[in-house]
C-alpha atoms as a PDB file:
ATOM      1  CA  MET A   1       0.042  -0.007   0.308  1.00  0.00           C
ATOM      2  CA  HIS A   2       1.488   3.816  -0.912  1.00  0.00           C
ATOM      3  CA  ALA A   3      -0.542   6.609   0.866  1.00  0.00           C
ATOM      4  CA  ALA A   4      -0.694   8.411  -2.709  1.00  0.00           C
ATOM      5  CA  GLU A   5      -2.721   6.146  -3.482  1.00  0.00           C
ATOM      6  CA  PRO A   6      -5.869   7.502  -1.580  1.00  0.00           C
ATOM      7  CA  GLN A   7      -7.896   4.984  -2.817  1.00  0.00           C
ATOM      8  CA  MET A   8      -5.629   1.834  -1.079  1.00  0.00           C
ATOM      9  CA  VAL A   9      -6.273   3.860   2.120  1.00  0.00           C
ATOM     10  CA  GLU A  10     -10.328   3.795   2.477  1.00  0.00           C
ATOM     11  CA  GLN A  11     -10.146   0.328   1.756  1.00  0.00           C
ATOM     12  CA  THR A  12      -8.355  -0.565   4.057  1.00  0.00           C
ATOM     13  CA  GLY A  13      -8.641   1.524   6.441  1.00  0.00           C
ATOM     14  CA  VAL A  14      -4.697   1.909   6.670  1.00  0.00           C
ATOM     15  CA  THR A  15      -3.876   5.598   6.616  1.00  0.00           C
ATOM     16  CA  PRO A  16      -0.025   6.931   7.383  1.00  0.00           C
ATOM     17  CA  ALA A  17      -0.766   7.477  10.790  1.00  0.00           C
ATOM     18  CA  ILE A  18      -1.243   3.839  10.873  1.00  0.00           C
ATOM     19  CA  ILE A  19       1.936   3.147   9.265  1.00  0.00           C
ATOM     20  CA  ALA A  20       3.033   5.573  11.245  1.00  0.00           C
ATOM     21  CA  TYR A  21       1.951   3.750  14.728  1.00  0.00           C
ATOM     22  CA  ILE A  22       3.446   0.327  13.622  1.00  0.00           C
ATOM     23  CA  THR A  23       6.192   1.822  11.863  1.00  0.00           C
ATOM     24  CA  GLU A  24       7.548   3.402  15.399  1.00  0.00           C
ATOM     25  CA  ALA A  25       6.012   0.109  18.115  1.00  0.00           C
ATOM     26  CA  PHE A  26       8.156  -2.229  16.054  1.00  0.00           C
ATOM     27  CA  ALA A  27      11.686  -0.384  16.966  1.00  0.00           C
ATOM     28  CA  GLU A  28      10.219   0.060  20.070  1.00  0.00           C
ATOM     29  CA  SER A  29      10.588  -3.675  20.135  1.00  0.00           C
ATOM     30  CA  LYS A  30      13.574  -3.327  18.873  1.00  0.00           C
ATOM     31  CA  LEU A  31      14.987  -0.414  21.591  1.00  0.00           C
ATOM     32  CA  ALA A  32      13.517  -2.805  24.188  1.00  0.00           C
ATOM     33  CA  ILE A  33      16.605  -5.751  23.299  1.00  0.00           C
ATOM     34  CA  TRP A  34      19.032  -3.999  22.976  1.00  0.00           C
ATOM     35  CA  ALA A  35      18.085  -2.465  26.152  1.00  0.00           C
ATOM     36  CA  ARG A  36      19.097  -5.321  27.590  1.00  0.00           C
ATOM     37  CA  TYR A  37      22.421  -5.677  25.891  1.00  0.00           C
ATOM     38  CA  LEU A  38      23.883  -2.469  25.312  1.00  0.00           C
ATOM     39  CA  ASP A  39      24.700   0.095  29.337  1.00  0.00           C
ATOM     40  CA  GLU A  40      22.625   2.887  29.585  1.00  0.00           C
ATOM     41  CA  GLU A  41      24.988   5.895  27.805  1.00  0.00           C
ATOM     42  CA  GLU A  42      24.864   3.589  24.819  1.00  0.00           C
ATOM     43  CA  MET A  43      20.960   2.950  25.161  1.00  0.00           C
ATOM     44  CA  ALA A  44      20.178   6.482  25.767  1.00  0.00           C
ATOM     45  CA  PHE A  45      22.203   8.167  22.289  1.00  0.00           C
ATOM     46  CA  THR A  46      21.272   4.849  20.377  1.00  0.00           C
ATOM     47  CA  ARG A  47      17.429   6.062  21.100  1.00  0.00           C
ATOM     48  CA  GLN A  48      18.137   9.186  21.032  1.00  0.00           C
ATOM     49  CA  HIS A  49      19.056   8.725  17.317  1.00  0.00           C
ATOM     50  CA  TYR A  50      17.112   5.833  15.647  1.00  0.00           C
ATOM     51  CA  PHE A  51      14.653   7.454  14.835  1.00  0.00           C
ATOM     52  CA  ASP A  52      15.926   9.720  13.785  1.00  0.00           C
ATOM     53  CA  ARG A  53      17.099   7.541   9.849  1.00  0.00           C
ATOM     54  CA  LEU A  54      14.378   5.622  10.702  1.00  0.00           C
ATOM     55  CA  GLN A  55      13.043   6.174   7.096  1.00  0.00           C
ATOM     56  CA  GLU A  56      16.439   5.324   5.180  1.00  0.00           C
ATOM     57  CA  TRP A  57      16.436   1.728   6.023  1.00  0.00           C
ATOM     58  CA  PRO A  58      13.446   0.636   2.850  1.00  0.00           C
ATOM     59  CA  ALA A  59      14.919   1.873   0.231  1.00  0.00           C
ATOM     60  CA  LEU A  60      18.586   1.284   1.707  1.00  0.00           C
ATOM     61  CA  VAL A  61      17.835  -2.903   1.844  1.00  0.00           C
ATOM     62  CA  ALA A  62      15.917  -2.423  -2.506  1.00  0.00           C
ATOM     63  CA  LYS A  63      18.652  -1.373  -3.176  1.00  0.00           C
ATOM     64  CA  LEU A  64      20.653  -4.357  -1.830  1.00  0.00           C
ATOM     65  CA  HIS A  65      17.797  -6.756  -3.162  1.00  0.00           C
ATOM     66  CA  GLN A  66      18.625  -5.741  -6.756  1.00  0.00           C
ATOM     67  CA  ALA A  67      22.159  -5.639  -5.745  1.00  0.00           C
ATOM     68  CA  CYS A  68      22.765  -8.911  -5.576  1.00  0.00           C
ATOM     69  CA  ARG A  69      19.759  -9.876  -7.371  1.00  0.00           C
ATOM     70  CA  GLU A  70      21.876  -8.855 -10.990  1.00  0.00           C
ATOM     71  CA  GLY A  71      25.063 -10.459  -9.164  1.00  0.00           C
ATOM     72  CA  VAL A  72      26.363  -6.873  -8.765  1.00  0.00           C
ATOM     73  CA  ALA A  73      30.124  -8.132  -6.358  1.00  0.00           C
ATOM     74  CA  PRO A  74      30.359  -6.798  -2.883  1.00  0.00           C
ATOM     75  CA  ASP A  75      33.932  -5.241  -3.939  1.00  0.00           C
ATOM     76  CA  SER A  76      32.716  -3.436  -7.155  1.00  0.00           C
ATOM     77  CA  ALA A  77      32.328   0.239  -7.003  1.00  0.00           C
ATOM     78  CA  SER A  78      28.746  -0.217  -5.837  1.00  0.00           C
ATOM     79  CA  GLY A  79      29.039  -3.490  -3.789  1.00  0.00           C
ATOM     80  CA  GLN A  80      31.218  -0.839  -1.656  1.00  0.00           C
ATOM     81  CA  ALA A  81      28.833   1.710  -1.607  1.00  0.00           C
ATOM     82  CA  LEU A  82      26.154   0.436  -1.139  1.00  0.00           C
ATOM     83  CA  ALA A  83      28.277  -1.046   2.589  1.00  0.00           C
ATOM     84  CA  ARG A  84      29.522   1.820   2.849  1.00  0.00           C
ATOM     85  CA  ALA A  85      25.640   3.563   3.455  1.00  0.00           C
ATOM     86  CA  TRP A  86      24.320  -0.031   5.411  1.00  0.00           C
ATOM     87  CA  LEU A  87      27.727   0.825   8.081  1.00  0.00           C
ATOM     88  CA  GLU A  88      26.867   4.974   7.360  1.00  0.00           C
ATOM     89  CA  LEU A  89      23.216   3.401   8.810  1.00  0.00           C
ATOM     90  CA  PHE A  90      23.808   2.194  11.244  1.00  0.00           C
ATOM     91  CA  GLN A  91      26.602   3.868  13.143  1.00  0.00           C
ATOM     92  CA  SER A  92      24.230   7.637  13.194  1.00  0.00           C
ATOM     93  CA  TYR A  93      21.933   5.126  15.628  1.00  0.00           C
ATOM     94  CA  ALA A  94      24.654   2.671  16.717  1.00  0.00           C
ATOM     95  CA  GLY A  95      28.091   4.902  16.990  1.00  0.00           C
ATOM     96  CA  THR A  96      30.775   3.923  17.057  1.00  0.00           C
ATOM     97  CA  ARG A  97      32.933   2.430  19.571  1.00  0.00           C
ATOM     98  CA  PRO A  98      34.592  -0.708  18.493  1.00  0.00           C
ATOM     99  CA  GLN A  99      32.578  -2.432  22.673  1.00  0.00           C
ATOM    100  CA  THR A 100      29.380  -1.318  21.495  1.00  0.00           C
ATOM    101  CA  LEU A 101      29.139  -2.357  18.093  1.00  0.00           C
ATOM    102  CA  GLN A 102      30.122  -6.199  19.450  1.00  0.00           C
ATOM    103  CA  LYS A 103      27.686  -5.067  21.767  1.00  0.00           C
ATOM    104  CA  PHE A 104      24.634  -4.504  18.599  1.00  0.00           C
ATOM    105  CA  ARG A 105      26.728  -8.126  16.414  1.00  0.00           C
ATOM    106  CA  ARG A 106      26.001 -10.187  19.360  1.00  0.00           C
ATOM    107  CA  ALA A 107      22.071  -8.898  19.867  1.00  0.00           C
ATOM    108  CA  MET A 108      22.041  -9.528  16.373  1.00  0.00           C
ATOM    109  CA  GLU A 109      23.126 -13.051  16.456  1.00  0.00           C
ATOM    110  CA  GLN A 110      20.708 -14.092  19.460  1.00  0.00           C
ATOM    111  CA  GLU A 111      18.030 -12.416  19.401  1.00  0.00           C
ATOM    112  CA  PRO A 112      15.587 -13.547  15.957  1.00  0.00           C
ATOM    113  CA  HIS A 113      13.494 -11.192  16.379  1.00  0.00           C
ATOM    114  CA  LEU A 114      16.234  -8.398  15.564  1.00  0.00           C
ATOM    115  CA  MET A 115      15.585  -9.789  11.801  1.00  0.00           C
ATOM    116  CA  LYS A 116      12.395  -9.332  11.580  1.00  0.00           C
ATOM    117  CA  GLY A 117      11.003  -6.763   9.447  1.00  0.00           C
ATOM    118  CA  THR A 118      15.109  -6.779   7.309  1.00  0.00           C
ATOM    119  CA  GLY A 119      14.438  -7.920   4.526  1.00  0.00           C
END
């Protein structure tokens, strides 16, 4: 469904406000999990920045799927550009401290819910 399709909104009742609510609830479920792995300072940073660029993830994931379908080599210029975009987006809410990034990796390994909705 697309917000620019009024007929779909009318038929389903799924408005942009409903989508925003669901997106926030989904994000909050991830934040609750990360809170079990991060210290207070790390969690405060993550909470402060997680919603800033949340809407950029779907487009990036779509580009990654397209690159995989097209056989784009990971070491190609475009493959590396996608990897940099992923890292930049991730670090925008996770920060750059190696210790913190390791905590996120551990959470991703141990918490299947964190992978839901990622493509």
